Every structure is written in C-alpha cells, then in structure tokens.
Amino acid sequence: MERDKMGNRRLNETLIVSKVFNLAWDVSLTIYHGTMEQGRNANRRQTFIRNSRRRLLLTRKWVKAQTYTSIFARGMCAC
C-alpha cells in the first residue's frame, strides 16, 4: 500500500477495463476490475447502509412500543 508524504494511506486509483467478446452471441461486455481498496470501501458502505436501516427499524419498533405502553398506562385503551 502506498503512503503519501504525511504517512496517510493513498488509494491506488488504477482501473483496468477489459472488453470480452462473446462469439456465440456477438455481444460486447465491458468488465471493470477495481482495486482491493475500492472493494473494501464498497463493502464498508453497504455495511453502513444495512446497519443504518436496522437501527431505524429498531427505533421505530421501540417508539411504537412506548406509544402502546403509554396508552395502556393512561387507561385510554378502548378495549
């Protein structure tokens, strides 16, 4: 891994583009090969999004439970 003058890690920004031709279907596919750092960043981003959604869902459930608890505690439930 490369480092800059301050000692911080520097991403390797090479992106290799290769074309693959499928002779049977005559279709051109472009494949992008990123660096391992780019893959790790993408994984980190996906994990962050998944965790955020999970926290939001748990927060919604907690708020809902608190609302129901307060309604029952006040005796406002029309059961």
PDB file of N, CA and C in Angstrom:
ATOM      1  N   MET A   1       0.837  -1.168   0.000  1.00  0.00           N
ATOM      2  CA  MET A   1       0.000   0.000   0.000  1.00  0.00           C
ATOM      3  C   MET A   1       0.886   1.236   0.000  1.00  0.00           C
ATOM      4  N   GLU A   2       0.504   2.178  -0.819  1.00  0.00           N
ATOM      5  CA  GLU A   2       1.292   3.402  -0.924  1.00  0.00           C
ATOM      6  C   GLU A   2       0.890   4.392   0.158  1.00  0.00           C
ATOM      7  N   ARG A   3       1.852   5.220   0.546  1.00  0.00           N
ATOM      8  CA  ARG A   3       1.580   6.262   1.538  1.00  0.00           C
ATOM      9  C   ARG A   3       2.047   7.602   0.980  1.00  0.00           C
ATOM     10  N   ASP A   4       1.338   8.666   1.361  1.00  0.00           N
ATOM     11  CA  ASP A   4       1.748   9.992   0.914  1.00  0.00           C
ATOM     12  C   ASP A   4       2.800  10.563   1.862  1.00  0.00           C
ATOM     13  N   LYS A   5       3.150  11.841   1.683  1.00  0.00           N
ATOM     14  CA  LYS A   5       4.212  12.458   2.481  1.00  0.00           C
ATOM     15  C   LYS A   5       3.873  12.512   3.962  1.00  0.00           C
ATOM     16  N   MET A   6       2.579  12.613   4.291  1.00  0.00           N
ATOM     17  CA  MET A   6       2.151  12.695   5.687  1.00  0.00           C
ATOM     18  C   MET A   6       2.000  11.313   6.327  1.00  0.00           C
ATOM     19  N   GLY A   7       2.202  10.265   5.551  1.00  0.00           N
ATOM     20  CA  GLY A   7       2.095   8.915   6.090  1.00  0.00           C
ATOM     21  C   GLY A   7       0.701   8.321   5.988  1.00  0.00           C
ATOM     22  N   ASN A   8      -0.223   9.060   5.358  1.00  0.00           N
ATOM     23  CA  ASN A   8      -1.578   8.543   5.186  1.00  0.00           C
ATOM     24  C   ASN A   8      -1.620   7.563   4.024  1.00  0.00           C
ATOM     25  N   ARG A   9      -2.525   6.594   4.156  1.00  0.00           N
ATOM     26  CA  ARG A   9      -2.662   5.637   3.066  1.00  0.00           C
ATOM     27  C   ARG A   9      -3.240   6.332   1.840  1.00  0.00           C
ATOM     28  N   ARG A  10      -2.719   5.969   0.688  1.00  0.00           N
ATOM     29  CA  ARG A  10      -3.215   6.544  -0.556  1.00  0.00           C
ATOM     30  C   ARG A  10      -3.801   5.419  -1.392  1.00  0.00           C
ATOM     31  N   LEU A  11      -5.004   5.657  -1.890  1.00  0.00           N
ATOM     32  CA  LEU A  11      -5.645   4.635  -2.704  1.00  0.00           C
ATOM     33  C   LEU A  11      -4.960   4.534  -4.054  1.00  0.00           C
ATOM     34  N   ASN A  12      -4.844   3.323  -4.505  1.00  0.00           N
ATOM     35  CA  ASN A  12      -4.322   3.100  -5.837  1.00  0.00           C
ATOM     36  C   ASN A  12      -5.490   3.280  -6.797  1.00  0.00           C
ATOM     37  N   GLU A  13      -5.416   4.281  -7.645  1.00  0.00           N
ATOM     38  CA  GLU A  13      -6.568   4.653  -8.451  1.00  0.00           C
ATOM     39  C   GLU A  13      -6.588   3.994  -9.817  1.00  0.00           C
ATOM     40  N   THR A  14      -5.891   2.900  -9.976  1.00  0.00           N
ATOM     41  CA  THR A  14      -5.894   2.245 -11.271  1.00  0.00           C
ATOM     42  C   THR A  14      -7.202   1.501 -11.471  1.00  0.00           C
ATOM     43  N   LEU A  15      -7.739   1.617 -12.642  1.00  0.00           N
ATOM     44  CA  LEU A  15      -8.960   0.914 -13.009  1.00  0.00           C
ATOM     45  C   LEU A  15      -8.697   0.262 -14.355  1.00  0.00           C
ATOM     46  N   ILE A  16      -8.749  -1.038 -14.374  1.00  0.00           N
ATOM     47  CA  ILE A  16      -8.443  -1.776 -15.592  1.00  0.00           C
ATOM     48  C   ILE A  16      -9.760  -2.099 -16.287  1.00  0.00           C
ATOM     49  N   VAL A  17      -9.854  -1.721 -17.533  1.00  0.00           N
ATOM     50  CA  VAL A  17     -11.056  -2.002 -18.309  1.00  0.00           C
ATOM     51  C   VAL A  17     -10.681  -3.005 -19.380  1.00  0.00           C
ATOM     52  N   SER A  18     -11.409  -4.105 -19.415  1.00  0.00           N
ATOM     53  CA  SER A  18     -11.140  -5.096 -20.449  1.00  0.00           C
ATOM     54  C   SER A  18     -12.439  -5.435 -21.158  1.00  0.00           C
ATOM     55  N   LYS A  19     -12.333  -5.642 -22.443  1.00  0.00           N
ATOM     56  CA  LYS A  19     -13.516  -5.993 -23.224  1.00  0.00           C
ATOM     57  C   LYS A  19     -13.482  -7.480 -23.518  1.00  0.00           C
ATOM     58  N   VAL A  20     -14.633  -8.107 -23.322  1.00  0.00           N
ATOM     59  CA  VAL A  20     -14.760  -9.529 -23.601  1.00  0.00           C
ATOM     60  C   VAL A  20     -15.809  -9.670 -24.692  1.00  0.00           C
ATOM     61  N   PHE A  21     -15.460 -10.376 -25.736  1.00  0.00           N
ATOM     62  CA  PHE A  21     -16.406 -10.576 -26.825  1.00  0.00           C
ATOM     63  C   PHE A  21     -16.915 -12.006 -26.786  1.00  0.00           C
ATOM     64  N   ASN A  22     -18.215 -12.138 -26.681  1.00  0.00           N
ATOM     65  CA  ASN A  22     -18.837 -13.446 -26.696  1.00  0.00           C
ATOM     66  C   ASN A  22     -19.135 -13.768 -28.157  1.00  0.00           C
ATOM     67  N   LEU A  23     -18.419 -14.756 -28.687  1.00  0.00           N
ATOM     68  CA  LEU A  23     -18.545 -15.054 -30.106  1.00  0.00           C
ATOM     69  C   LEU A  23     -19.891 -15.678 -30.446  1.00  0.00           C
ATOM     70  N   ALA A  24     -20.459 -16.451 -29.524  1.00  0.00           N
ATOM     71  CA  ALA A  24     -21.719 -17.127 -29.811  1.00  0.00           C
ATOM     72  C   ALA A  24     -22.852 -16.115 -30.012  1.00  0.00           C
ATOM     73  N   TRP A  25     -22.886 -15.086 -29.188  1.00  0.00           N
ATOM     74  CA  TRP A  25     -23.990 -14.121 -29.257  1.00  0.00           C
ATOM     75  C   TRP A  25     -23.543 -12.795 -29.866  1.00  0.00           C
ATOM     76  N   ASP A  26     -22.249 -12.650 -30.114  1.00  0.00           N
ATOM     77  CA  ASP A  26     -21.696 -11.419 -30.674  1.00  0.00           C
ATOM     78  C   ASP A  26     -22.044 -10.211 -29.796  1.00  0.00           C
ATOM     79  N   VAL A  27     -21.858 -10.392 -28.498  1.00  0.00           N
ATOM     80  CA  VAL A  27     -22.166  -9.343 -27.526  1.00  0.00           C
ATOM     81  C   VAL A  27     -20.860  -8.867 -26.907  1.00  0.00           C
ATOM     82  N   SER A  28     -20.730  -7.571 -26.783  1.00  0.00           N
ATOM     83  CA  SER A  28     -19.534  -6.996 -26.163  1.00  0.00           C
ATOM     84  C   SER A  28     -19.835  -6.659 -24.708  1.00  0.00           C
ATOM     85  N   LEU A  29     -19.044  -7.196 -23.794  1.00  0.00           N
ATOM     86  CA  LEU A  29     -19.192  -6.914 -22.372  1.00  0.00           C
ATOM     87  C   LEU A  29     -17.966  -6.157 -21.893  1.00  0.00           C
ATOM     88  N   THR A  30     -18.171  -5.131 -21.111  1.00  0.00           N
ATOM     89  CA  THR A  30     -17.056  -4.387 -20.529  1.00  0.00           C
ATOM     90  C   THR A  30     -16.965  -4.742 -19.061  1.00  0.00           C
ATOM     91  N   ILE A  31     -15.802  -5.200 -18.623  1.00  0.00           N
ATOM     92  CA  ILE A  31     -15.602  -5.626 -17.245  1.00  0.00           C
ATOM     93  C   ILE A  31     -14.635  -4.651 -16.584  1.00  0.00           C
ATOM     94  N   TYR A  32     -15.037  -4.137 -15.429  1.00  0.00           N
ATOM     95  CA  TYR A  32     -14.193  -3.208 -14.677  1.00  0.00           C
ATOM     96  C   TYR A  32     -13.568  -3.952 -13.510  1.00  0.00           C
ATOM     97  N   HIS A  33     -12.262  -3.891 -13.407  1.00  0.00           N
ATOM     98  CA  HIS A  33     -11.551  -4.502 -12.293  1.00  0.00           C
ATOM     99  C   HIS A  33     -11.054  -3.377 -11.393  1.00  0.00           C
ATOM    100  N   GLY A  34     -11.618  -3.275 -10.217  1.00  0.00           N
ATOM    101  CA  GLY A  34     -11.181  -2.247  -9.284  1.00  0.00           C
ATOM    102  C   GLY A  34     -10.101  -2.791  -8.377  1.00  0.00           C
ATOM    103  N   THR A  35      -9.540  -1.939  -7.565  1.00  0.00           N
ATOM    104  CA  THR A  35      -8.530  -2.387  -6.615  1.00  0.00           C
ATOM    105  C   THR A  35      -9.204  -2.988  -5.392  1.00  0.00           C
ATOM    106  N   MET A  36      -8.441  -3.646  -4.549  1.00  0.00           N
ATOM    107  CA  MET A  36      -8.992  -4.241  -3.331  1.00  0.00           C
ATOM    108  C   MET A  36      -9.524  -3.158  -2.404  1.00  0.00           C
ATOM    109  N   GLU A  37      -8.863  -1.999  -2.392  1.00  0.00           N
ATOM    110  CA  GLU A  37      -9.328  -0.896  -1.541  1.00  0.00           C
ATOM    111  C   GLU A  37     -10.713  -0.441  -1.955  1.00  0.00           C
ATOM    112  N   GLN A  38     -10.942  -0.360  -3.246  1.00  0.00           N
ATOM    113  CA  GLN A  38     -12.254   0.065  -3.727  1.00  0.00           C
ATOM    114  C   GLN A  38     -13.318  -0.947  -3.324  1.00  0.00           C
ATOM    115  N   GLY A  39     -12.965  -2.226  -3.366  1.00  0.00           N
ATOM    116  CA  GLY A  39     -13.900  -3.264  -2.929  1.00  0.00           C
ATOM    117  C   GLY A  39     -14.200  -3.151  -1.449  1.00  0.00           C
ATOM    118  N   ARG A  40     -13.161  -2.887  -0.648  1.00  0.00           N
ATOM    119  CA  ARG A  40     -13.370  -2.730   0.801  1.00  0.00           C
ATOM    120  C   ARG A  40     -14.238  -1.516   1.095  1.00  0.00           C
ATOM    121  N   ASN A  41     -14.020  -0.428   0.360  1.00  0.00           N
ATOM    122  CA  ASN A  41     -14.840   0.770   0.561  1.00  0.00           C
ATOM    123  C   ASN A  41     -16.293   0.490   0.218  1.00  0.00           C
ATOM    124  N   ALA A  42     -16.522  -0.251  -0.847  1.00  0.00           N
ATOM    125  CA  ALA A  42     -17.895  -0.593  -1.232  1.00  0.00           C
ATOM    126  C   ALA A  42     -18.537  -1.464  -0.159  1.00  0.00           C
ATOM    127  N   ASN A  43     -17.778  -2.424   0.380  1.00  0.00           N
ATOM    128  CA  ASN A  43     -18.311  -3.284   1.442  1.00  0.00           C
ATOM    129  C   ASN A  43     -18.634  -2.473   2.685  1.00  0.00           C
ATOM    130  N   ARG A  44     -17.742  -1.537   3.030  1.00  0.00           N
ATOM    131  CA  ARG A  44     -17.983  -0.678   4.191  1.00  0.00           C
ATOM    132  C   ARG A  44     -19.250   0.136   4.015  1.00  0.00           C
ATOM    133  N   ARG A  45     -19.420   0.669   2.796  1.00  0.00           N
ATOM    134  CA  ARG A  45     -20.599   1.485   2.506  1.00  0.00           C
ATOM    135  C   ARG A  45     -21.876   0.654   2.631  1.00  0.00           C
ATOM    136  N   GLN A  46     -21.863  -0.556   2.073  1.00  0.00           N
ATOM    137  CA  GLN A  46     -23.041  -1.428   2.155  1.00  0.00           C
ATOM    138  C   GLN A  46     -23.341  -1.806   3.596  1.00  0.00           C
ATOM    139  N   THR A  47     -22.297  -2.103   4.377  1.00  0.00           N
ATOM    140  CA  THR A  47     -22.491  -2.447   5.791  1.00  0.00           C
ATOM    141  C   THR A  47     -23.075  -1.265   6.545  1.00  0.00           C
ATOM    142  N   PHE A  48     -22.592  -0.066   6.255  1.00  0.00           N
ATOM    143  CA  PHE A  48     -23.109   1.134   6.914  1.00  0.00           C
ATOM    144  C   PHE A  48     -24.593   1.318   6.605  1.00  0.00           C
ATOM    145  N   ILE A  49     -24.969   1.125   5.346  1.00  0.00           N
ATOM    146  CA  ILE A  49     -26.373   1.282   4.942  1.00  0.00           C
ATOM    147  C   ILE A  49     -27.242   0.237   5.625  1.00  0.00           C
ATOM    148  N   ARG A  50     -26.763  -1.031   5.641  1.00  0.00           N
ATOM    149  CA  ARG A  50     -27.541  -2.097   6.298  1.00  0.00           C
ATOM    150  C   ARG A  50     -27.726  -1.807   7.776  1.00  0.00           C
ATOM    151  N   ASN A  51     -26.664  -1.398   8.454  1.00  0.00           N
ATOM    152  CA  ASN A  51     -26.752  -1.101   9.891  1.00  0.00           C
ATOM    153  C   ASN A  51     -27.669   0.085  10.154  1.00  0.00           C
ATOM    154  N   SER A  52     -27.629   1.089   9.291  1.00  0.00           N
ATOM    155  CA  SER A  52     -28.496   2.256   9.459  1.00  0.00           C
ATOM    156  C   SER A  52     -29.955   1.856   9.339  1.00  0.00           C
ATOM    157  N   ARG A  53     -30.258   1.025   8.344  1.00  0.00           N
ATOM    158  CA  ARG A  53     -31.645   0.567   8.172  1.00  0.00           C
ATOM    159  C   ARG A  53     -32.093  -0.246   9.373  1.00  0.00           C
ATOM    160  N   ARG A  54     -31.209  -1.095   9.890  1.00  0.00           N
ATOM    161  CA  ARG A  54     -31.551  -1.928  11.044  1.00  0.00           C
ATOM    162  C   ARG A  54     -31.818  -1.055  12.272  1.00  0.00           C
ATOM    163  N   ARG A  55     -30.960  -0.033  12.485  1.00  0.00           N
ATOM    164  CA  ARG A  55     -31.157   0.875  13.623  1.00  0.00           C
ATOM    165  C   ARG A  55     -32.467   1.639  13.495  1.00  0.00           C
ATOM    166  N   LEU A  56     -32.791   2.066  12.279  1.00  0.00           N
ATOM    167  CA  LEU A  56     -34.028   2.803  12.056  1.00  0.00           C
ATOM    168  C   LEU A  56     -35.235   1.921  12.352  1.00  0.00           C
ATOM    169  N   LEU A  57     -35.184   0.673  11.916  1.00  0.00           N
ATOM    170  CA  LEU A  57     -36.283  -0.259  12.164  1.00  0.00           C
ATOM    171  C   LEU A  57     -36.449  -0.501  13.658  1.00  0.00           C
ATOM    172  N   LEU A  58     -35.338  -0.719  14.374  1.00  0.00           N
ATOM    173  CA  LEU A  58     -35.415  -0.942  15.816  1.00  0.00           C
ATOM    174  C   LEU A  58     -35.947   0.295  16.529  1.00  0.00           C
ATOM    175  N   THR A  59     -35.554   1.481  16.061  1.00  0.00           N
ATOM    176  CA  THR A  59     -36.045   2.719  16.669  1.00  0.00           C
ATOM    177  C   THR A  59     -37.545   2.840  16.474  1.00  0.00           C
ATOM    178  N   ARG A  60     -38.016   2.520  15.264  1.00  0.00           N
ATOM    179  CA  ARG A  60     -39.459   2.582  15.000  1.00  0.00           C
ATOM    180  C   ARG A  60     -40.221   1.630  15.912  1.00  0.00           C
ATOM    181  N   LYS A  61     -39.694   0.405  16.059  1.00  0.00           N
ATOM    182  CA  LYS A  61     -40.354  -0.576  16.930  1.00  0.00           C
ATOM    183  C   LYS A  61     -40.362  -0.089  18.373  1.00  0.00           C
ATOM    184  N   TRP A  62     -39.267   0.514  18.824  1.00  0.00           N
ATOM    185  CA  TRP A  62     -39.174   0.993  20.202  1.00  0.00           C
ATOM    186  C   TRP A  62     -40.185   2.113  20.435  1.00  0.00           C
ATOM    187  N   VAL A  63     -40.272   3.059  19.487  1.00  0.00           N
ATOM    188  CA  VAL A  63     -41.217   4.177  19.619  1.00  0.00           C
ATOM    189  C   VAL A  63     -42.644   3.655  19.631  1.00  0.00           C
ATOM    190  N   LYS A  64     -42.925   2.688  18.769  1.00  0.00           N
ATOM    191  CA  LYS A  64     -44.267   2.104  18.718  1.00  0.00           C
ATOM    192  C   LYS A  64     -44.608   1.447  20.055  1.00  0.00           C
ATOM    193  N   ALA A  65     -43.669   0.705  20.611  1.00  0.00           N
ATOM    194  CA  ALA A  65     -43.887   0.035  21.900  1.00  0.00           C
ATOM    195  C   ALA A  65     -44.108   1.062  23.004  1.00  0.00           C
ATOM    196  N   GLN A  66     -43.356   2.161  22.987  1.00  0.00           N
ATOM    197  CA  GLN A  66     -43.525   3.198  24.005  1.00  0.00           C
ATOM    198  C   GLN A  66     -44.899   3.848  23.891  1.00  0.00           C
ATOM    199  N   THR A  67     -45.360   4.026  22.661  1.00  0.00           N
ATOM    200  CA  THR A  67     -46.677   4.631  22.437  1.00  0.00           C
ATOM    201  C   THR A  67     -47.767   3.735  22.999  1.00  0.00           C
ATOM    202  N   TYR A  68     -47.697   2.435  22.670  1.00  0.00           N
ATOM    203  CA  TYR A  68     -48.701   1.499  23.185  1.00  0.00           C
ATOM    204  C   TYR A  68     -48.657   1.429  24.703  1.00  0.00           C
ATOM    205  N   THR A  69     -47.463   1.425  25.259  1.00  0.00           N
ATOM    206  CA  THR A  69     -47.312   1.345  26.715  1.00  0.00           C
ATOM    207  C   THR A  69     -47.943   2.556  27.383  1.00  0.00           C
ATOM    208  N   SER A  70     -47.720   3.747  26.815  1.00  0.00           N
ATOM    209  CA  SER A  70     -48.281   4.956  27.427  1.00  0.00           C
ATOM    210  C   SER A  70     -49.800   4.983  27.301  1.00  0.00           C
ATOM    211  N   ILE A  71     -50.357   4.465  26.205  1.00  0.00           N
ATOM    212  CA  ILE A  71     -51.815   4.423  26.042  1.00  0.00           C
ATOM    213  C   ILE A  71     -52.431   3.505  27.086  1.00  0.00           C
ATOM    214  N   PHE A  72     -51.847   2.315  27.266  1.00  0.00           N
ATOM    215  CA  PHE A  72     -52.377   1.368  28.251  1.00  0.00           C
ATOM    216  C   PHE A  72     -52.192   1.890  29.671  1.00  0.00           C
ATOM    217  N   ALA A  73     -51.097   2.590  29.932  1.00  0.00           N
ATOM    218  CA  ALA A  73     -50.826   3.103  31.276  1.00  0.00           C
ATOM    219  C   ALA A  73     -51.839   4.180  31.667  1.00  0.00           C
ATOM    220  N   ARG A  74     -52.283   4.955  30.702  1.00  0.00           N
ATOM    221  CA  ARG A  74     -53.252   6.011  30.994  1.00  0.00           C
ATOM    222  C   ARG A  74     -54.684   5.481  31.047  1.00  0.00           C
ATOM    223  N   GLY A  75     -54.884   4.249  30.639  1.00  0.00           N
ATOM    224  CA  GLY A  75     -56.227   3.681  30.623  1.00  0.00           C
ATOM    225  C   GLY A  75     -57.065   4.215  29.483  1.00  0.00           C
ATOM    226  N   MET A  76     -56.400   4.621  28.408  1.00  0.00           N
ATOM    227  CA  MET A  76     -57.119   5.197  27.276  1.00  0.00           C
ATOM    228  C   MET A  76     -57.467   4.150  26.230  1.00  0.00           C
ATOM    229  N   CYS A  77     -57.176   2.920  26.518  1.00  0.00           N
ATOM    230  CA  CYS A  77     -57.435   1.861  25.550  1.00  0.00           C
ATOM    231  C   CYS A  77     -58.929   1.537  25.557  1.00  0.00           C
ATOM    232  N   ALA A  78     -59.543   1.608  24.392  1.00  0.00           N
ATOM    233  CA  ALA A  78     -60.973   1.287  24.291  1.00  0.00           C
ATOM    234  C   ALA A  78     -61.109  -0.167  23.879  1.00  0.00           C
ATOM    235  N   CYS A  79     -60.792  -1.056  24.809  1.00  0.00           N
ATOM    236  CA  CYS A  79     -60.832  -2.488  24.502  1.00  0.00           C
ATOM    237  C   CYS A  79     -62.203  -3.062  24.778  1.00  0.00           C
TER     238      CYS A  79
END
